[in-house]
Amino acid sequence: MKLSARNQLPGKVKKIETGMIVAEIVIELDGGGEITSIITKKAMENLGLTVGKKVHAVIKSTEVMVAAD
């Protein structure tokens, strides 16, 4: 599948916490580090997400906020 988003980070599902409506998906990135996404439970089921499954975190944003200490 081709996407216009340029920020596609490969990894695998490390952890899934499922609620009534949403699921928190923790992805262990191939290059190190982790990223967490909140998606609907239905989307998680449709994607067949399970711990260990290879996935891509796709980031598409028109805005990135930066905070300094």
PDB file of N, CA and C in Angstrom:
ATOM      1  N   MET A   1       0.839  -1.164   0.000  1.00  0.00           N
ATOM      2  CA  MET A   1       0.000   0.000   0.000  1.00  0.00           C
ATOM      3  C   MET A   1       0.896   1.242   0.000  1.00  0.00           C
ATOM      4  N   LYS A   2       0.608   2.189  -0.870  1.00  0.00           N
ATOM      5  CA  LYS A   2       1.353   3.440  -0.910  1.00  0.00           C
ATOM      6  C   LYS A   2       0.578   4.508  -0.150  1.00  0.00           C
ATOM      7  N   LEU A   3       1.328   5.307   0.620  1.00  0.00           N
ATOM      8  CA  LEU A   3       0.728   6.398   1.391  1.00  0.00           C
ATOM      9  C   LEU A   3       1.473   7.685   1.106  1.00  0.00           C
ATOM     10  N   SER A   4       0.807   8.811   1.259  1.00  0.00           N
ATOM     11  CA  SER A   4       1.467  10.101   1.079  1.00  0.00           C
ATOM     12  C   SER A   4       2.282  10.490   2.305  1.00  0.00           C
ATOM     13  N   ALA A   5       1.998   9.882   3.448  1.00  0.00           N
ATOM     14  CA  ALA A   5       2.731  10.193   4.675  1.00  0.00           C
ATOM     15  C   ALA A   5       4.174   9.714   4.540  1.00  0.00           C
ATOM     16  N   ARG A   6       5.120  10.570   4.856  1.00  0.00           N
ATOM     17  CA  ARG A   6       6.539  10.235   4.733  1.00  0.00           C
ATOM     18  C   ARG A   6       7.098   9.666   6.028  1.00  0.00           C
ATOM     19  N   ASN A   7       6.442   9.894   7.124  1.00  0.00           N
ATOM     20  CA  ASN A   7       6.916   9.402   8.416  1.00  0.00           C
ATOM     21  C   ASN A   7       6.292   8.051   8.712  1.00  0.00           C
ATOM     22  N   GLN A   8       6.917   6.999   8.194  1.00  0.00           N
ATOM     23  CA  GLN A   8       6.451   5.635   8.400  1.00  0.00           C
ATOM     24  C   GLN A   8       7.539   4.882   9.153  1.00  0.00           C
ATOM     25  N   LEU A   9       7.242   4.515  10.385  1.00  0.00           N
ATOM     26  CA  LEU A   9       8.229   3.909  11.267  1.00  0.00           C
ATOM     27  C   LEU A   9       7.908   2.431  11.480  1.00  0.00           C
ATOM     28  N   PRO A  10       8.769   1.522  10.976  1.00  0.00           N
ATOM     29  CA  PRO A  10       8.502   0.096  11.141  1.00  0.00           C
ATOM     30  C   PRO A  10       8.801  -0.379  12.558  1.00  0.00           C
ATOM     31  N   GLY A  11       8.047  -1.355  12.989  1.00  0.00           N
ATOM     32  CA  GLY A  11       8.255  -1.930  14.315  1.00  0.00           C
ATOM     33  C   GLY A  11       7.347  -3.119  14.520  1.00  0.00           C
ATOM     34  N   LYS A  12       7.174  -3.497  15.783  1.00  0.00           N
ATOM     35  CA  LYS A  12       6.252  -4.583  16.105  1.00  0.00           C
ATOM     36  C   LYS A  12       5.461  -4.206  17.349  1.00  0.00           C
ATOM     37  N   VAL A  13       4.270  -4.760  17.440  1.00  0.00           N
ATOM     38  CA  VAL A  13       3.401  -4.472  18.581  1.00  0.00           C
ATOM     39  C   VAL A  13       4.022  -5.091  19.829  1.00  0.00           C
ATOM     40  N   LYS A  14       4.260  -4.236  20.820  1.00  0.00           N
ATOM     41  CA  LYS A  14       4.864  -4.681  22.075  1.00  0.00           C
ATOM     42  C   LYS A  14       3.800  -4.969  23.136  1.00  0.00           C
ATOM     43  N   LYS A  15       2.759  -4.130  23.148  1.00  0.00           N
ATOM     44  CA  LYS A  15       1.755  -4.240  24.210  1.00  0.00           C
ATOM     45  C   LYS A  15       0.430  -3.671  23.714  1.00  0.00           C
ATOM     46  N   ILE A  16      -0.660  -4.291  24.132  1.00  0.00           N
ATOM     47  CA  ILE A  16      -2.004  -3.801  23.810  1.00  0.00           C
ATOM     48  C   ILE A  16      -2.811  -3.750  25.095  1.00  0.00           C
ATOM     49  N   GLU A  17      -3.400  -2.596  25.356  1.00  0.00           N
ATOM     50  CA  GLU A  17      -4.339  -2.446  26.473  1.00  0.00           C
ATOM     51  C   GLU A  17      -5.681  -2.066  25.877  1.00  0.00           C
ATOM     52  N   THR A  18      -6.655  -2.928  26.062  1.00  0.00           N
ATOM     53  CA  THR A  18      -7.956  -2.733  25.436  1.00  0.00           C
ATOM     54  C   THR A  18      -8.977  -2.230  26.443  1.00  0.00           C
ATOM     55  N   GLY A  19      -9.688  -1.183  26.057  1.00  0.00           N
ATOM     56  CA  GLY A  19     -10.790  -0.669  26.857  1.00  0.00           C
ATOM     57  C   GLY A  19     -12.108  -1.021  26.194  1.00  0.00           C
ATOM     58  N   MET A  20     -13.181  -0.402  26.650  1.00  0.00           N
ATOM     59  CA  MET A  20     -14.505  -0.667  26.085  1.00  0.00           C
ATOM     60  C   MET A  20     -14.606  -0.187  24.635  1.00  0.00           C
ATOM     61  N   ILE A  21     -13.999   0.975  24.335  1.00  0.00           N
ATOM     62  CA  ILE A  21     -14.145   1.579  23.009  1.00  0.00           C
ATOM     63  C   ILE A  21     -12.803   1.755  22.297  1.00  0.00           C
ATOM     64  N   VAL A  22     -11.740   2.058  23.050  1.00  0.00           N
ATOM     65  CA  VAL A  22     -10.434   2.301  22.438  1.00  0.00           C
ATOM     66  C   VAL A  22      -9.398   1.297  22.926  1.00  0.00           C
ATOM     67  N   ALA A  23      -8.295   1.234  22.181  1.00  0.00           N
ATOM     68  CA  ALA A  23      -7.174   0.380  22.549  1.00  0.00           C
ATOM     69  C   ALA A  23      -5.896   1.210  22.484  1.00  0.00           C
ATOM     70  N   GLU A  24      -5.012   1.003  23.456  1.00  0.00           N
ATOM     71  CA  GLU A  24      -3.710   1.652  23.465  1.00  0.00           C
ATOM     72  C   GLU A  24      -2.707   0.640  22.915  1.00  0.00           C
ATOM     73  N   ILE A  25      -2.040   1.016  21.832  1.00  0.00           N
ATOM     74  CA  ILE A  25      -1.105   0.128  21.161  1.00  0.00           C
ATOM     75  C   ILE A  25       0.303   0.682  21.342  1.00  0.00           C
ATOM     76  N   VAL A  26       1.188  -0.092  21.968  1.00  0.00           N
ATOM     77  CA  VAL A  26       2.593   0.307  22.130  1.00  0.00           C
ATOM     78  C   VAL A  26       3.386  -0.433  21.060  1.00  0.00           C
ATOM     79  N   ILE A  27       4.125   0.347  20.249  1.00  0.00           N
ATOM     80  CA  ILE A  27       4.922  -0.218  19.167  1.00  0.00           C
ATOM     81  C   ILE A  27       6.396  -0.044  19.495  1.00  0.00           C
ATOM     82  N   GLU A  28       7.136  -1.147  19.464  1.00  0.00           N
ATOM     83  CA  GLU A  28       8.583  -1.113  19.638  1.00  0.00           C
ATOM     84  C   GLU A  28       9.182  -0.890  18.247  1.00  0.00           C
ATOM     85  N   LEU A  29       9.833   0.264  18.058  1.00  0.00           N
ATOM     86  CA  LEU A  29      10.350   0.635  16.746  1.00  0.00           C
ATOM     87  C   LEU A  29      11.621  -0.130  16.409  1.00  0.00           C
ATOM     88  N   ASP A  30      11.803  -0.470  15.123  1.00  0.00           N
ATOM     89  CA  ASP A  30      12.985  -1.195  14.672  1.00  0.00           C
ATOM     90  C   ASP A  30      14.270  -0.441  15.004  1.00  0.00           C
ATOM     91  N   GLY A  31      14.251   0.878  14.914  1.00  0.00           N
ATOM     92  CA  GLY A  31      15.438   1.686  15.174  1.00  0.00           C
ATOM     93  C   GLY A  31      15.663   1.987  16.646  1.00  0.00           C
ATOM     94  N   GLY A  32      14.861   1.409  17.517  1.00  0.00           N
ATOM     95  CA  GLY A  32      14.943   1.689  18.941  1.00  0.00           C
ATOM     96  C   GLY A  32      13.860   2.653  19.363  1.00  0.00           C
ATOM     97  N   GLY A  33      13.479   2.586  20.598  1.00  0.00           N
ATOM     98  CA  GLY A  33      12.435   3.452  21.130  1.00  0.00           C
ATOM     99  C   GLY A  33      11.053   2.848  20.952  1.00  0.00           C
ATOM    100  N   GLU A  34      10.080   3.575  21.441  1.00  0.00           N
ATOM    101  CA  GLU A  34       8.687   3.137  21.391  1.00  0.00           C
ATOM    102  C   GLU A  34       7.804   4.305  21.005  1.00  0.00           C
ATOM    103  N   ILE A  35       6.662   3.977  20.455  1.00  0.00           N
ATOM    104  CA  ILE A  35       5.641   4.982  20.177  1.00  0.00           C
ATOM    105  C   ILE A  35       4.299   4.355  20.554  1.00  0.00           C
ATOM    106  N   THR A  36       3.399   5.180  21.079  1.00  0.00           N
ATOM    107  CA  THR A  36       2.097   4.689  21.528  1.00  0.00           C
ATOM    108  C   THR A  36       0.999   5.351  20.711  1.00  0.00           C
ATOM    109  N   SER A  37       0.007   4.569  20.340  1.00  0.00           N
ATOM    110  CA  SER A  37      -1.126   5.080  19.580  1.00  0.00           C
ATOM    111  C   SER A  37      -2.425   4.647  20.260  1.00  0.00           C
ATOM    112  N   ILE A  38      -3.403   5.519  20.235  1.00  0.00           N
ATOM    113  CA  ILE A  38      -4.742   5.203  20.719  1.00  0.00           C
ATOM    114  C   ILE A  38      -5.637   5.103  19.486  1.00  0.00           C
ATOM    115  N   ILE A  39      -6.215   3.926  19.277  1.00  0.00           N
ATOM    116  CA  ILE A  39      -7.116   3.710  18.144  1.00  0.00           C
ATOM    117  C   ILE A  39      -8.395   3.057  18.677  1.00  0.00           C
ATOM    118  N   THR A  40      -9.416   3.022  17.839  1.00  0.00           N
ATOM    119  CA  THR A  40     -10.643   2.371  18.291  1.00  0.00           C
ATOM    120  C   THR A  40     -10.410   0.866  18.404  1.00  0.00           C
ATOM    121  N   LYS A  41     -11.167   0.254  19.278  1.00  0.00           N
ATOM    122  CA  LYS A  41     -11.087  -1.195  19.457  1.00  0.00           C
ATOM    123  C   LYS A  41     -11.452  -1.897  18.149  1.00  0.00           C
ATOM    124  N   LYS A  42     -12.427  -1.351  17.440  1.00  0.00           N
ATOM    125  CA  LYS A  42     -12.854  -1.921  16.158  1.00  0.00           C
ATOM    126  C   LYS A  42     -11.719  -1.873  15.144  1.00  0.00           C
ATOM    127  N   ALA A  43     -10.972  -0.763  15.093  1.00  0.00           N
ATOM    128  CA  ALA A  43      -9.834  -0.652  14.172  1.00  0.00           C
ATOM    129  C   ALA A  43      -8.771  -1.688  14.526  1.00  0.00           C
ATOM    130  N   MET A  44      -8.519  -1.886  15.816  1.00  0.00           N
ATOM    131  CA  MET A  44      -7.547  -2.880  16.261  1.00  0.00           C
ATOM    132  C   MET A  44      -7.954  -4.272  15.778  1.00  0.00           C
ATOM    133  N   GLU A  45      -9.229  -4.579  15.933  1.00  0.00           N
ATOM    134  CA  GLU A  45      -9.739  -5.882  15.496  1.00  0.00           C
ATOM    135  C   GLU A  45      -9.651  -6.030  13.975  1.00  0.00           C
ATOM    136  N   ASN A  46     -10.028  -4.976  13.234  1.00  0.00           N
ATOM    137  CA  ASN A  46      -9.990  -5.015  11.768  1.00  0.00           C
ATOM    138  C   ASN A  46      -8.566  -5.211  11.247  1.00  0.00           C
ATOM    139  N   LEU A  47      -7.574  -4.638  11.944  1.00  0.00           N
ATOM    140  CA  LEU A  47      -6.174  -4.773  11.545  1.00  0.00           C
ATOM    141  C   LEU A  47      -5.566  -6.090  12.016  1.00  0.00           C
ATOM    142  N   GLY A  48      -6.279  -6.804  12.862  1.00  0.00           N
ATOM    143  CA  GLY A  48      -5.771  -8.076  13.374  1.00  0.00           C
ATOM    144  C   GLY A  48      -4.535  -7.896  14.243  1.00  0.00           C
ATOM    145  N   LEU A  49      -4.504  -6.796  15.015  1.00  0.00           N
ATOM    146  CA  LEU A  49      -3.327  -6.505  15.833  1.00  0.00           C
ATOM    147  C   LEU A  49      -3.211  -7.461  17.005  1.00  0.00           C
ATOM    148  N   THR A  50      -2.023  -8.011  17.163  1.00  0.00           N
ATOM    149  CA  THR A  50      -1.682  -8.869  18.288  1.00  0.00           C
ATOM    150  C   THR A  50      -0.251  -8.551  18.687  1.00  0.00           C
ATOM    151  N   VAL A  51       0.119  -8.866  19.908  1.00  0.00           N
ATOM    152  CA  VAL A  51       1.491  -8.645  20.366  1.00  0.00           C
ATOM    153  C   VAL A  51       2.429  -9.450  19.471  1.00  0.00           C
ATOM    154  N   GLY A  52       3.493  -8.778  19.013  1.00  0.00           N
ATOM    155  CA  GLY A  52       4.476  -9.406  18.140  1.00  0.00           C
ATOM    156  C   GLY A  52       4.251  -9.172  16.656  1.00  0.00           C
ATOM    157  N   LYS A  53       3.061  -8.691  16.284  1.00  0.00           N
ATOM    158  CA  LYS A  53       2.759  -8.451  14.862  1.00  0.00           C
ATOM    159  C   LYS A  53       3.589  -7.290  14.338  1.00  0.00           C
ATOM    160  N   LYS A  54       4.148  -7.439  13.134  1.00  0.00           N
ATOM    161  CA  LYS A  54       4.903  -6.364  12.500  1.00  0.00           C
ATOM    162  C   LYS A  54       3.927  -5.330  11.956  1.00  0.00           C
ATOM    163  N   VAL A  55       4.227  -4.071  12.240  1.00  0.00           N
ATOM    164  CA  VAL A  55       3.359  -2.965  11.835  1.00  0.00           C
ATOM    165  C   VAL A  55       4.216  -1.765  11.437  1.00  0.00           C
ATOM    166  N   HIS A  56       3.575  -0.726  10.936  1.00  0.00           N
ATOM    167  CA  HIS A  56       4.215   0.562  10.683  1.00  0.00           C
ATOM    168  C   HIS A  56       3.416   1.625  11.438  1.00  0.00           C
ATOM    169  N   ALA A  57       4.105   2.459  12.188  1.00  0.00           N
ATOM    170  CA  ALA A  57       3.475   3.641  12.775  1.00  0.00           C
ATOM    171  C   ALA A  57       3.556   4.726  11.710  1.00  0.00           C
ATOM    172  N   VAL A  58       2.416   5.204  11.259  1.00  0.00           N
ATOM    173  CA  VAL A  58       2.358   6.201  10.196  1.00  0.00           C
ATOM    174  C   VAL A  58       1.925   7.521  10.817  1.00  0.00           C
ATOM    175  N   ILE A  59       2.784   8.528  10.667  1.00  0.00           N
ATOM    176  CA  ILE A  59       2.524   9.831  11.284  1.00  0.00           C
ATOM    177  C   ILE A  59       2.282  10.848  10.181  1.00  0.00           C
ATOM    178  N   LYS A  60       1.104  11.430  10.181  1.00  0.00           N
ATOM    179  CA  LYS A  60       0.740  12.454   9.202  1.00  0.00           C
ATOM    180  C   LYS A  60       0.207  13.637   9.978  1.00  0.00           C
ATOM    181  N   SER A  61       0.936  14.713   9.955  1.00  0.00           N
ATOM    182  CA  SER A  61       0.531  15.878  10.733  1.00  0.00           C
ATOM    183  C   SER A  61       0.933  17.157  10.017  1.00  0.00           C
ATOM    184  N   THR A  62       0.130  18.157  10.178  1.00  0.00           N
ATOM    185  CA  THR A  62       0.473  19.461   9.613  1.00  0.00           C
ATOM    186  C   THR A  62       1.127  20.346  10.659  1.00  0.00           C
ATOM    187  N   GLU A  63       1.214  19.842  11.871  1.00  0.00           N
ATOM    188  CA  GLU A  63       1.707  20.654  12.972  1.00  0.00           C
ATOM    189  C   GLU A  63       2.421  19.787  13.997  1.00  0.00           C
ATOM    190  N   VAL A  64       3.577  20.216  14.448  1.00  0.00           N
ATOM    191  CA  VAL A  64       4.298  19.544  15.523  1.00  0.00           C
ATOM    192  C   VAL A  64       4.614  20.579  16.587  1.00  0.00           C
ATOM    193  N   MET A  65       4.209  20.334  17.813  1.00  0.00           N
ATOM    194  CA  MET A  65       4.458  21.275  18.901  1.00  0.00           C
ATOM    195  C   MET A  65       5.786  20.923  19.581  1.00  0.00           C
ATOM    196  N   VAL A  66       6.517  21.919  19.988  1.00  0.00           N
ATOM    197  CA  VAL A  66       7.784  21.747  20.678  1.00  0.00           C
ATOM    198  C   VAL A  66       7.732  22.547  21.964  1.00  0.00           C
ATOM    199  N   ALA A  67       8.153  21.913  23.068  1.00  0.00           N
ATOM    200  CA  ALA A  67       8.214  22.604  24.366  1.00  0.00           C
ATOM    201  C   ALA A  67       9.638  22.509  24.875  1.00  0.00           C
ATOM    202  N   ALA A  68      10.111  23.574  25.487  1.00  0.00           N
ATOM    203  CA  ALA A  68      11.457  23.590  26.063  1.00  0.00           C
ATOM    204  C   ALA A  68      11.357  23.761  27.569  1.00  0.00           C
ATOM    205  N   ASP A  69      12.309  23.188  28.257  1.00  0.00           N
ATOM    206  CA  ASP A  69      12.358  23.332  29.726  1.00  0.00           C
ATOM    207  C   ASP A  69      12.944  24.671  30.099  1.00  0.00           C
TER     208      ASP A  69
END
